[in-house]
């Protein structure tokens, strides 16, 4: 993870961009632009959640580890969301099986978890995060249903469409490992 030399974090995360200008300006000192490389682990199983990430051009997978050690993607987070929602819901650490891993390299905006919690004590950020948490829950349930019911081709098509929407480009890196 490397900090970029920028005057301020890049715009493009829909949650941060939805804040009124004065609220965004208030948060600005707590936000840091970061470049993320492919497969970077942002939040690891059982470890403390010290940093919240707002993807701008990166796409991050929420993976669940199975008993045999394999992982299954249960959600993706792009410029519409936040990596670190469990902190908002009261958790201090990731569950023992879940992790967030970068699947499309790019920019994120990082915020210390304590500053994030303090900022979510009042609207408008609290309301935006509440709505996003509900959307993430809906995405997880949809992903589970799709994984159980649809063919590999249909699941791949869905993944590519969701990734396209989050990257905002017709081109993005893709490997057979995701």
N, C-alpha and C. Protein backbone atom coordinates (compact mmCIF):
# COMPACT_ATOMS: atom_id res chain seq x y z
N UNK A 1 0.86 -1.17 0.00
CA UNK A 1 0.00 0.00 0.00
C UNK A 1 0.90 1.23 0.00
N UNK A 2 0.66 2.15 -0.88
CA UNK A 2 1.49 3.35 -0.94
C UNK A 2 0.61 4.59 -1.01
N UNK A 3 0.96 5.57 -0.21
CA UNK A 3 0.21 6.83 -0.23
C UNK A 3 0.60 7.61 -1.46
N UNK A 4 -0.39 8.18 -2.10
CA UNK A 4 -0.16 9.00 -3.28
C UNK A 4 0.17 10.42 -2.86
N UNK A 5 0.95 11.10 -3.66
CA UNK A 5 1.26 12.50 -3.42
C UNK A 5 0.19 13.35 -4.10
N UNK A 6 -0.86 13.65 -3.38
CA UNK A 6 -1.94 14.46 -3.92
C UNK A 6 -2.35 15.48 -2.87
N UNK A 7 -2.87 16.60 -3.34
CA UNK A 7 -3.33 17.64 -2.41
C UNK A 7 -4.52 17.15 -1.61
N UNK A 8 -5.39 16.39 -2.25
CA UNK A 8 -6.53 15.82 -1.54
C UNK A 8 -6.91 14.50 -2.20
N UNK A 9 -7.67 13.68 -1.49
CA UNK A 9 -8.07 12.38 -2.04
C UNK A 9 -8.87 12.53 -3.33
N UNK A 10 -8.75 11.55 -4.21
CA UNK A 10 -9.52 11.61 -5.46
C UNK A 10 -11.02 11.48 -5.18
N UNK A 11 -11.80 12.13 -6.00
CA UNK A 11 -13.25 11.98 -5.92
C UNK A 11 -13.62 10.74 -6.72
N UNK A 12 -14.84 10.25 -6.53
CA UNK A 12 -15.30 9.12 -7.31
C UNK A 12 -15.96 8.04 -6.48
N UNK A 13 -15.78 8.07 -5.15
CA UNK A 13 -16.53 7.14 -4.31
C UNK A 13 -17.92 7.75 -4.09
N UNK A 14 -18.94 7.00 -4.41
CA UNK A 14 -20.30 7.54 -4.39
C UNK A 14 -20.79 7.94 -3.00
N UNK A 15 -20.31 7.27 -1.97
CA UNK A 15 -20.72 7.65 -0.62
C UNK A 15 -20.09 8.98 -0.24
N UNK A 16 -18.79 9.10 -0.43
CA UNK A 16 -18.13 10.38 -0.12
C UNK A 16 -18.67 11.50 -1.00
N UNK A 17 -18.92 11.19 -2.28
CA UNK A 17 -19.41 12.21 -3.20
C UNK A 17 -20.84 12.66 -2.89
N UNK A 18 -21.59 11.83 -2.16
CA UNK A 18 -22.97 12.18 -1.81
C UNK A 18 -23.05 13.09 -0.59
N UNK A 19 -21.93 13.29 0.09
CA UNK A 19 -21.92 14.17 1.26
C UNK A 19 -22.08 15.63 0.83
N UNK A 20 -22.77 16.42 1.64
CA UNK A 20 -22.80 17.86 1.36
C UNK A 20 -21.37 18.41 1.39
N UNK A 21 -21.08 19.43 0.58
CA UNK A 21 -19.71 19.95 0.50
C UNK A 21 -19.08 20.29 1.85
N UNK A 22 -19.84 20.88 2.75
CA UNK A 22 -19.26 21.25 4.05
C UNK A 22 -18.91 20.02 4.89
N UNK A 23 -19.69 18.94 4.76
CA UNK A 23 -19.38 17.71 5.49
C UNK A 23 -18.15 17.04 4.90
N UNK A 24 -18.04 17.02 3.58
CA UNK A 24 -16.85 16.46 2.94
C UNK A 24 -15.61 17.25 3.36
N UNK A 25 -15.71 18.55 3.38
CA UNK A 25 -14.58 19.40 3.79
C UNK A 25 -14.17 19.09 5.23
N UNK A 26 -15.15 18.82 6.09
CA UNK A 26 -14.86 18.49 7.49
C UNK A 26 -14.11 17.16 7.58
N UNK A 27 -14.46 16.20 6.71
CA UNK A 27 -13.80 14.89 6.73
C UNK A 27 -12.43 14.89 6.06
N UNK A 28 -12.18 15.82 5.19
CA UNK A 28 -10.98 15.84 4.35
C UNK A 28 -9.68 15.58 5.12
N UNK A 29 -9.45 16.19 6.29
CA UNK A 29 -8.20 15.92 6.99
C UNK A 29 -8.03 14.46 7.45
N UNK A 30 -9.13 13.70 7.50
CA UNK A 30 -9.06 12.31 7.95
C UNK A 30 -8.94 11.32 6.80
N UNK A 31 -8.95 11.81 5.56
CA UNK A 31 -8.95 10.95 4.38
C UNK A 31 -7.58 10.93 3.71
N UNK A 32 -7.15 9.73 3.31
CA UNK A 32 -5.85 9.57 2.65
C UNK A 32 -6.01 8.77 1.37
N UNK A 33 -5.49 9.27 0.24
CA UNK A 33 -5.53 8.49 -1.00
C UNK A 33 -4.49 7.37 -0.95
N UNK A 34 -4.88 6.18 -1.42
CA UNK A 34 -3.99 5.03 -1.41
C UNK A 34 -4.17 4.26 -2.72
N UNK A 35 -3.07 3.82 -3.31
CA UNK A 35 -3.11 2.94 -4.47
C UNK A 35 -3.07 1.50 -3.99
N UNK A 36 -3.94 0.67 -4.54
CA UNK A 36 -4.02 -0.74 -4.15
C UNK A 36 -3.64 -1.63 -5.32
N UNK A 37 -2.79 -2.61 -5.04
CA UNK A 37 -2.40 -3.56 -6.07
C UNK A 37 -3.27 -4.82 -5.98
N UNK A 38 -3.28 -5.59 -7.05
CA UNK A 38 -4.04 -6.82 -7.14
C UNK A 38 -3.70 -7.76 -5.99
N UNK A 39 -4.72 -8.34 -5.40
CA UNK A 39 -4.64 -9.34 -4.33
C UNK A 39 -4.24 -8.78 -2.97
N UNK A 40 -4.11 -7.50 -2.84
CA UNK A 40 -3.78 -6.90 -1.55
C UNK A 40 -4.89 -7.23 -0.56
N UNK A 41 -4.53 -7.73 0.62
CA UNK A 41 -5.51 -7.99 1.67
C UNK A 41 -5.75 -6.70 2.44
N UNK A 42 -6.99 -6.23 2.44
CA UNK A 42 -7.32 -5.00 3.15
C UNK A 42 -7.75 -5.30 4.58
N UNK A 43 -8.58 -6.31 4.74
CA UNK A 43 -9.02 -6.74 6.07
C UNK A 43 -8.89 -8.25 6.11
N UNK A 44 -8.24 -8.76 7.17
CA UNK A 44 -7.93 -10.18 7.26
C UNK A 44 -8.75 -10.87 8.34
N UNK A 45 -8.96 -12.19 8.20
CA UNK A 45 -9.77 -12.93 9.16
C UNK A 45 -9.26 -12.78 10.58
N UNK A 46 -10.17 -12.44 11.49
CA UNK A 46 -9.85 -12.36 12.90
C UNK A 46 -9.03 -11.16 13.33
N UNK A 47 -8.63 -10.32 12.41
CA UNK A 47 -7.77 -9.18 12.75
C UNK A 47 -8.59 -7.91 12.96
N UNK A 48 -8.04 -7.02 13.77
CA UNK A 48 -8.70 -5.75 14.06
C UNK A 48 -8.92 -4.95 12.78
N UNK A 49 -10.03 -4.25 12.76
CA UNK A 49 -10.34 -3.36 11.63
C UNK A 49 -9.90 -1.96 12.05
N UNK A 50 -8.72 -1.56 11.62
CA UNK A 50 -8.15 -0.27 11.99
C UNK A 50 -8.41 0.81 10.96
N UNK A 51 -8.69 0.39 9.72
CA UNK A 51 -8.84 1.33 8.62
C UNK A 51 -10.08 0.98 7.82
N UNK A 52 -10.79 2.01 7.41
CA UNK A 52 -11.95 1.89 6.53
C UNK A 52 -11.50 2.36 5.15
N UNK A 53 -11.98 1.70 4.10
CA UNK A 53 -11.58 2.04 2.74
C UNK A 53 -12.80 2.39 1.90
N UNK A 54 -12.71 3.49 1.16
CA UNK A 54 -13.73 3.92 0.22
C UNK A 54 -13.15 3.74 -1.19
N UNK A 55 -13.47 2.66 -1.89
CA UNK A 55 -12.92 2.46 -3.23
C UNK A 55 -13.33 3.58 -4.20
N UNK A 56 -12.40 3.96 -5.04
CA UNK A 56 -12.65 4.94 -6.09
C UNK A 56 -12.60 4.22 -7.44
N UNK A 57 -11.44 3.64 -7.76
CA UNK A 57 -11.32 2.87 -9.00
C UNK A 57 -10.98 1.41 -8.74
N UNK A 58 -10.62 1.05 -7.52
CA UNK A 58 -10.35 -0.35 -7.17
C UNK A 58 -11.67 -1.08 -6.94
N UNK A 59 -11.63 -2.39 -7.11
CA UNK A 59 -12.76 -3.25 -6.77
C UNK A 59 -12.23 -4.30 -5.80
N UNK A 60 -12.99 -4.53 -4.72
CA UNK A 60 -12.55 -5.39 -3.64
C UNK A 60 -13.56 -6.53 -3.46
N UNK A 61 -13.05 -7.74 -3.27
CA UNK A 61 -13.91 -8.90 -3.03
C UNK A 61 -14.03 -9.17 -1.54
N UNK A 62 -15.25 -9.46 -1.09
CA UNK A 62 -15.48 -10.00 0.24
C UNK A 62 -15.51 -11.51 0.06
N UNK A 63 -14.56 -12.18 0.67
CA UNK A 63 -14.41 -13.63 0.53
C UNK A 63 -14.67 -14.31 1.86
N UNK A 64 -15.29 -15.48 1.80
CA UNK A 64 -15.50 -16.31 2.98
C UNK A 64 -14.68 -17.58 2.79
N UNK A 65 -13.93 -17.95 3.84
CA UNK A 65 -13.09 -19.13 3.79
C UNK A 65 -13.88 -20.34 4.26
N UNK A 66 -13.82 -21.39 3.47
CA UNK A 66 -14.53 -22.63 3.78
C UNK A 66 -13.63 -23.54 4.62
N UNK A 67 -14.22 -24.62 5.17
CA UNK A 67 -13.47 -25.54 6.02
C UNK A 67 -12.26 -26.15 5.32
N UNK A 68 -12.34 -26.35 4.01
CA UNK A 68 -11.22 -26.95 3.28
C UNK A 68 -10.16 -25.93 2.88
N UNK A 69 -10.35 -24.66 3.27
CA UNK A 69 -9.38 -23.61 2.96
C UNK A 69 -9.68 -22.84 1.69
N UNK A 70 -10.60 -23.32 0.89
CA UNK A 70 -10.98 -22.59 -0.32
C UNK A 70 -11.78 -21.35 0.06
N UNK A 71 -11.83 -20.40 -0.84
CA UNK A 71 -12.60 -19.18 -0.58
C UNK A 71 -13.70 -19.04 -1.62
N UNK A 72 -14.78 -18.38 -1.20
CA UNK A 72 -15.91 -18.10 -2.07
C UNK A 72 -16.20 -16.61 -1.97
N UNK A 73 -16.34 -15.96 -3.13
CA UNK A 73 -16.69 -14.55 -3.14
C UNK A 73 -18.18 -14.42 -2.82
N UNK A 74 -18.49 -13.61 -1.81
CA UNK A 74 -19.90 -13.40 -1.44
C UNK A 74 -20.37 -11.99 -1.75
N UNK A 75 -19.45 -11.09 -2.07
CA UNK A 75 -19.83 -9.73 -2.45
C UNK A 75 -18.61 -9.04 -3.05
N UNK A 76 -18.87 -7.97 -3.80
CA UNK A 76 -17.81 -7.11 -4.27
C UNK A 76 -18.14 -5.68 -3.87
N UNK A 77 -17.10 -4.91 -3.65
CA UNK A 77 -17.27 -3.51 -3.27
C UNK A 77 -16.45 -2.67 -4.23
N UNK A 78 -17.10 -1.70 -4.82
CA UNK A 78 -16.43 -0.77 -5.71
C UNK A 78 -16.71 0.65 -5.28
N UNK A 79 -16.80 1.54 -6.26
CA UNK A 79 -16.96 2.96 -5.95
C UNK A 79 -18.32 3.30 -5.34
N UNK A 80 -19.21 2.33 -5.23
CA UNK A 80 -20.50 2.56 -4.58
C UNK A 80 -20.43 2.35 -3.07
N UNK A 81 -19.31 1.86 -2.55
CA UNK A 81 -19.36 1.37 -1.18
C UNK A 81 -18.18 1.65 -0.28
N UNK A 82 -18.14 0.82 0.75
CA UNK A 82 -17.17 0.94 1.84
C UNK A 82 -16.64 -0.45 2.17
N UNK A 83 -15.35 -0.56 2.41
CA UNK A 83 -14.75 -1.77 2.96
C UNK A 83 -14.53 -1.49 4.44
N UNK A 84 -15.23 -2.23 5.28
CA UNK A 84 -15.12 -2.05 6.73
C UNK A 84 -16.45 -1.83 7.41
N UNK A 85 -17.55 -2.16 6.75
CA UNK A 85 -18.89 -1.99 7.33
C UNK A 85 -19.03 -2.66 8.70
N UNK A 86 -18.37 -3.81 8.98
CA UNK A 86 -18.53 -4.41 10.30
C UNK A 86 -18.23 -3.45 11.46
N UNK A 87 -17.32 -2.49 11.26
CA UNK A 87 -17.03 -1.50 12.31
C UNK A 87 -18.27 -0.68 12.61
N UNK A 88 -18.96 -0.26 11.57
CA UNK A 88 -20.19 0.53 11.74
C UNK A 88 -21.24 -0.27 12.49
N UNK A 89 -21.24 -1.59 12.29
CA UNK A 89 -22.23 -2.46 12.93
C UNK A 89 -21.80 -2.92 14.32
N UNK A 90 -20.66 -2.42 14.81
CA UNK A 90 -20.24 -2.71 16.18
C UNK A 90 -19.08 -3.66 16.33
N UNK A 91 -18.58 -4.23 15.26
CA UNK A 91 -17.45 -5.16 15.35
C UNK A 91 -16.14 -4.39 15.45
N UNK A 92 -15.19 -4.96 16.14
CA UNK A 92 -13.86 -4.37 16.21
C UNK A 92 -12.86 -5.14 15.35
N UNK A 93 -13.26 -6.36 14.97
CA UNK A 93 -12.38 -7.21 14.16
C UNK A 93 -13.21 -7.96 13.12
N UNK A 94 -12.53 -8.44 12.12
CA UNK A 94 -13.19 -9.27 11.11
C UNK A 94 -13.53 -10.62 11.73
N UNK A 95 -14.55 -11.28 11.19
CA UNK A 95 -14.87 -12.63 11.65
C UNK A 95 -13.71 -13.54 11.27
N UNK A 96 -13.68 -14.72 11.86
CA UNK A 96 -12.57 -15.64 11.65
C UNK A 96 -12.49 -16.20 10.24
N UNK A 97 -13.54 -16.03 9.43
CA UNK A 97 -13.57 -16.63 8.09
C UNK A 97 -13.59 -15.62 6.95
N UNK A 98 -13.82 -14.37 7.23
CA UNK A 98 -14.02 -13.39 6.16
C UNK A 98 -12.80 -12.51 5.94
N UNK A 99 -12.60 -12.12 4.68
CA UNK A 99 -11.51 -11.22 4.34
C UNK A 99 -11.91 -10.38 3.14
N UNK A 100 -11.26 -9.23 3.01
CA UNK A 100 -11.44 -8.36 1.85
C UNK A 100 -10.13 -8.32 1.08
N UNK A 101 -10.21 -8.62 -0.22
CA UNK A 101 -9.01 -8.68 -1.07
C UNK A 101 -9.26 -7.90 -2.36
N UNK A 102 -8.26 -7.13 -2.77
CA UNK A 102 -8.37 -6.34 -4.00
C UNK A 102 -8.43 -7.28 -5.20
N UNK A 103 -9.45 -7.13 -6.04
CA UNK A 103 -9.57 -7.94 -7.26
C UNK A 103 -9.30 -7.13 -8.51
N UNK A 104 -9.50 -5.81 -8.46
CA UNK A 104 -9.13 -4.91 -9.55
C UNK A 104 -8.31 -3.79 -8.91
N UNK A 105 -7.02 -3.68 -9.28
CA UNK A 105 -6.18 -2.65 -8.66
C UNK A 105 -6.68 -1.25 -8.99
N UNK A 106 -6.38 -0.32 -8.10
CA UNK A 106 -6.78 1.06 -8.33
C UNK A 106 -6.71 1.88 -7.05
N UNK A 107 -7.40 2.99 -7.07
CA UNK A 107 -7.38 3.95 -5.96
C UNK A 107 -8.48 3.66 -4.94
N UNK A 108 -8.14 3.88 -3.67
CA UNK A 108 -9.11 3.92 -2.58
C UNK A 108 -8.80 5.15 -1.75
N UNK A 109 -9.76 5.54 -0.93
CA UNK A 109 -9.54 6.58 0.06
C UNK A 109 -9.63 5.89 1.42
N UNK A 110 -8.58 6.03 2.22
CA UNK A 110 -8.52 5.37 3.52
C UNK A 110 -8.87 6.35 4.64
N UNK A 111 -9.49 5.81 5.69
CA UNK A 111 -9.88 6.61 6.86
C UNK A 111 -9.69 5.74 8.10
N UNK A 112 -9.06 6.27 9.12
CA UNK A 112 -8.87 5.53 10.36
C UNK A 112 -10.24 5.17 10.94
N UNK A 113 -10.35 3.95 11.45
CA UNK A 113 -11.65 3.44 11.91
C UNK A 113 -12.25 4.31 13.02
N UNK A 114 -11.44 4.82 13.92
CA UNK A 114 -11.96 5.68 14.99
C UNK A 114 -12.56 6.96 14.45
N UNK A 115 -11.89 7.57 13.48
CA UNK A 115 -12.42 8.79 12.86
C UNK A 115 -13.71 8.48 12.10
N UNK A 116 -13.76 7.32 11.46
CA UNK A 116 -14.97 6.90 10.75
C UNK A 116 -16.14 6.76 11.73
N UNK A 117 -15.90 6.07 12.84
CA UNK A 117 -16.98 5.89 13.83
C UNK A 117 -17.46 7.22 14.38
N UNK A 118 -16.53 8.11 14.67
CA UNK A 118 -16.90 9.42 15.17
C UNK A 118 -17.74 10.17 14.13
N UNK A 119 -17.37 10.07 12.88
CA UNK A 119 -18.09 10.77 11.81
C UNK A 119 -19.47 10.19 11.55
N UNK A 120 -19.65 8.89 11.84
CA UNK A 120 -20.96 8.27 11.60
C UNK A 120 -21.92 8.47 12.77
N UNK A 121 -21.51 9.18 13.78
CA UNK A 121 -22.42 9.46 14.90
C UNK A 121 -23.48 10.48 14.53
N UNK A 122 -23.29 11.12 13.42
CA UNK A 122 -24.28 12.12 12.99
C UNK A 122 -24.52 11.97 11.49
N UNK A 123 -25.66 12.47 11.08
CA UNK A 123 -25.94 12.51 9.65
C UNK A 123 -25.07 13.57 9.04
N UNK A 124 -24.83 13.53 7.78
CA UNK A 124 -25.41 12.67 6.75
C UNK A 124 -24.65 11.37 6.52
N UNK A 125 -23.39 11.25 7.00
CA UNK A 125 -22.62 10.04 6.73
C UNK A 125 -23.31 8.82 7.33
N UNK A 126 -23.86 8.94 8.51
CA UNK A 126 -24.54 7.81 9.15
C UNK A 126 -25.64 7.26 8.24
N UNK A 127 -26.47 8.12 7.71
CA UNK A 127 -27.56 7.68 6.84
C UNK A 127 -27.06 7.00 5.58
N UNK A 128 -25.99 7.54 4.99
CA UNK A 128 -25.42 6.93 3.79
C UNK A 128 -24.85 5.55 4.09
N UNK A 129 -24.18 5.41 5.22
CA UNK A 129 -23.59 4.12 5.59
C UNK A 129 -24.69 3.12 5.93
N UNK A 130 -25.75 3.57 6.60
CA UNK A 130 -26.87 2.66 6.89
C UNK A 130 -27.47 2.11 5.60
N UNK A 131 -27.70 2.97 4.64
CA UNK A 131 -28.27 2.52 3.36
C UNK A 131 -27.31 1.59 2.62
N UNK A 132 -26.02 1.90 2.69
CA UNK A 132 -25.06 1.02 2.04
C UNK A 132 -25.00 -0.34 2.73
N UNK A 133 -25.05 -0.38 4.06
CA UNK A 133 -25.02 -1.66 4.78
C UNK A 133 -26.20 -2.53 4.34
N UNK A 134 -27.37 -1.93 4.17
CA UNK A 134 -28.54 -2.68 3.70
C UNK A 134 -28.30 -3.18 2.27
N UNK A 135 -27.74 -2.35 1.42
CA UNK A 135 -27.46 -2.76 0.04
C UNK A 135 -26.43 -3.89 0.00
N UNK A 136 -25.42 -3.83 0.87
CA UNK A 136 -24.42 -4.89 0.93
C UNK A 136 -25.05 -6.21 1.37
N UNK A 137 -25.92 -6.15 2.36
CA UNK A 137 -26.62 -7.35 2.81
C UNK A 137 -27.44 -7.95 1.66
N UNK A 138 -28.13 -7.10 0.93
CA UNK A 138 -28.92 -7.57 -0.22
C UNK A 138 -28.02 -8.19 -1.29
N UNK A 139 -26.85 -7.58 -1.51
CA UNK A 139 -25.91 -8.13 -2.49
C UNK A 139 -25.42 -9.51 -2.08
N UNK A 140 -25.11 -9.67 -0.78
CA UNK A 140 -24.64 -10.97 -0.30
C UNK A 140 -25.71 -12.03 -0.51
N UNK A 141 -26.96 -11.73 -0.17
CA UNK A 141 -28.01 -12.73 -0.35
C UNK A 141 -28.23 -13.05 -1.82
N UNK A 142 -28.15 -12.04 -2.68
CA UNK A 142 -28.29 -12.28 -4.13
C UNK A 142 -27.13 -13.13 -4.65
N UNK A 143 -25.92 -12.83 -4.19
CA UNK A 143 -24.74 -13.58 -4.63
C UNK A 143 -24.85 -15.05 -4.21
N UNK A 144 -25.30 -15.30 -2.99
CA UNK A 144 -25.46 -16.68 -2.53
C UNK A 144 -26.47 -17.41 -3.40
N UNK A 145 -27.59 -16.76 -3.69
CA UNK A 145 -28.61 -17.37 -4.54
C UNK A 145 -28.05 -17.65 -5.93
N UNK A 146 -27.35 -16.69 -6.51
CA UNK A 146 -26.78 -16.88 -7.86
C UNK A 146 -25.75 -18.00 -7.88
N UNK A 147 -24.91 -18.07 -6.84
CA UNK A 147 -23.90 -19.13 -6.79
C UNK A 147 -24.55 -20.51 -6.75
N UNK A 148 -25.72 -20.60 -6.13
CA UNK A 148 -26.40 -21.89 -6.02
C UNK A 148 -27.25 -22.26 -7.21
N UNK A 149 -27.72 -21.27 -7.95
CA UNK A 149 -28.71 -21.54 -9.00
C UNK A 149 -28.22 -21.37 -10.43
N UNK A 150 -27.22 -20.55 -10.65
CA UNK A 150 -26.85 -20.20 -12.01
C UNK A 150 -25.61 -20.94 -12.50
N UNK A 151 -25.52 -21.04 -13.82
CA UNK A 151 -24.36 -21.69 -14.44
C UNK A 151 -23.11 -20.84 -14.26
N UNK A 152 -21.97 -21.45 -14.52
CA UNK A 152 -20.70 -20.72 -14.45
C UNK A 152 -20.72 -19.54 -15.41
N UNK A 153 -21.26 -19.73 -16.61
CA UNK A 153 -21.32 -18.66 -17.60
C UNK A 153 -22.17 -17.50 -17.10
N UNK A 154 -23.31 -17.80 -16.49
CA UNK A 154 -24.19 -16.75 -15.97
C UNK A 154 -23.54 -16.01 -14.80
N UNK A 155 -22.86 -16.74 -13.92
CA UNK A 155 -22.18 -16.10 -12.79
C UNK A 155 -21.03 -15.23 -13.28
N UNK A 156 -20.31 -15.69 -14.28
CA UNK A 156 -19.21 -14.91 -14.85
C UNK A 156 -19.75 -13.64 -15.50
N UNK A 157 -20.85 -13.75 -16.22
CA UNK A 157 -21.46 -12.58 -16.85
C UNK A 157 -21.89 -11.56 -15.81
N UNK A 158 -22.50 -12.03 -14.73
CA UNK A 158 -22.93 -11.14 -13.64
C UNK A 158 -21.72 -10.44 -13.03
N UNK A 159 -20.66 -11.21 -12.77
CA UNK A 159 -19.46 -10.64 -12.16
C UNK A 159 -18.87 -9.56 -13.06
N UNK A 160 -18.77 -9.85 -14.37
CA UNK A 160 -18.19 -8.87 -15.30
C UNK A 160 -19.05 -7.62 -15.39
N UNK A 161 -20.36 -7.76 -15.38
CA UNK A 161 -21.24 -6.59 -15.41
C UNK A 161 -21.08 -5.75 -14.15
N UNK A 162 -21.09 -6.40 -12.98
CA UNK A 162 -20.91 -5.66 -11.73
C UNK A 162 -19.55 -4.97 -11.68
N UNK A 163 -18.51 -5.66 -12.13
CA UNK A 163 -17.17 -5.07 -12.12
C UNK A 163 -17.10 -3.90 -13.10
N UNK A 164 -17.67 -4.06 -14.27
CA UNK A 164 -17.73 -2.97 -15.26
C UNK A 164 -18.38 -1.74 -14.65
N UNK A 165 -19.50 -1.92 -13.97
CA UNK A 165 -20.21 -0.80 -13.36
C UNK A 165 -19.36 -0.11 -12.29
N UNK A 166 -18.60 -0.89 -11.53
CA UNK A 166 -17.81 -0.33 -10.44
C UNK A 166 -16.53 0.33 -10.92
N UNK A 167 -15.95 -0.20 -11.97
CA UNK A 167 -14.71 0.37 -12.50
C UNK A 167 -15.02 1.60 -13.35
N UNK A 168 -16.17 1.60 -14.00
CA UNK A 168 -16.55 2.74 -14.84
C UNK A 168 -15.80 2.78 -16.15
N UNK A 169 -15.38 1.61 -16.62
CA UNK A 169 -14.61 1.53 -17.86
C UNK A 169 -14.96 0.23 -18.57
N UNK A 170 -14.79 0.23 -19.88
CA UNK A 170 -15.00 -0.99 -20.64
C UNK A 170 -13.81 -1.95 -20.54
N UNK A 171 -12.72 -1.48 -19.95
CA UNK A 171 -11.53 -2.31 -19.80
C UNK A 171 -11.13 -2.38 -18.34
N UNK A 172 -10.84 -3.61 -17.88
CA UNK A 172 -10.31 -3.82 -16.54
C UNK A 172 -9.56 -5.14 -16.53
N UNK A 173 -8.55 -5.27 -15.66
CA UNK A 173 -7.77 -6.50 -15.63
C UNK A 173 -8.61 -7.66 -15.09
N UNK A 174 -8.38 -8.84 -15.65
CA UNK A 174 -9.15 -10.01 -15.25
C UNK A 174 -8.24 -11.22 -15.30
N UNK A 175 -8.26 -12.03 -14.24
CA UNK A 175 -7.52 -13.29 -14.24
C UNK A 175 -8.49 -14.42 -13.94
N UNK A 176 -8.10 -15.63 -14.25
CA UNK A 176 -8.95 -16.78 -13.97
C UNK A 176 -9.01 -17.11 -12.48
N UNK A 177 -8.17 -16.48 -11.67
CA UNK A 177 -8.12 -16.78 -10.25
C UNK A 177 -9.27 -16.19 -9.47
N UNK A 178 -9.95 -15.18 -9.99
CA UNK A 178 -11.11 -14.64 -9.31
C UNK A 178 -12.31 -15.22 -9.97
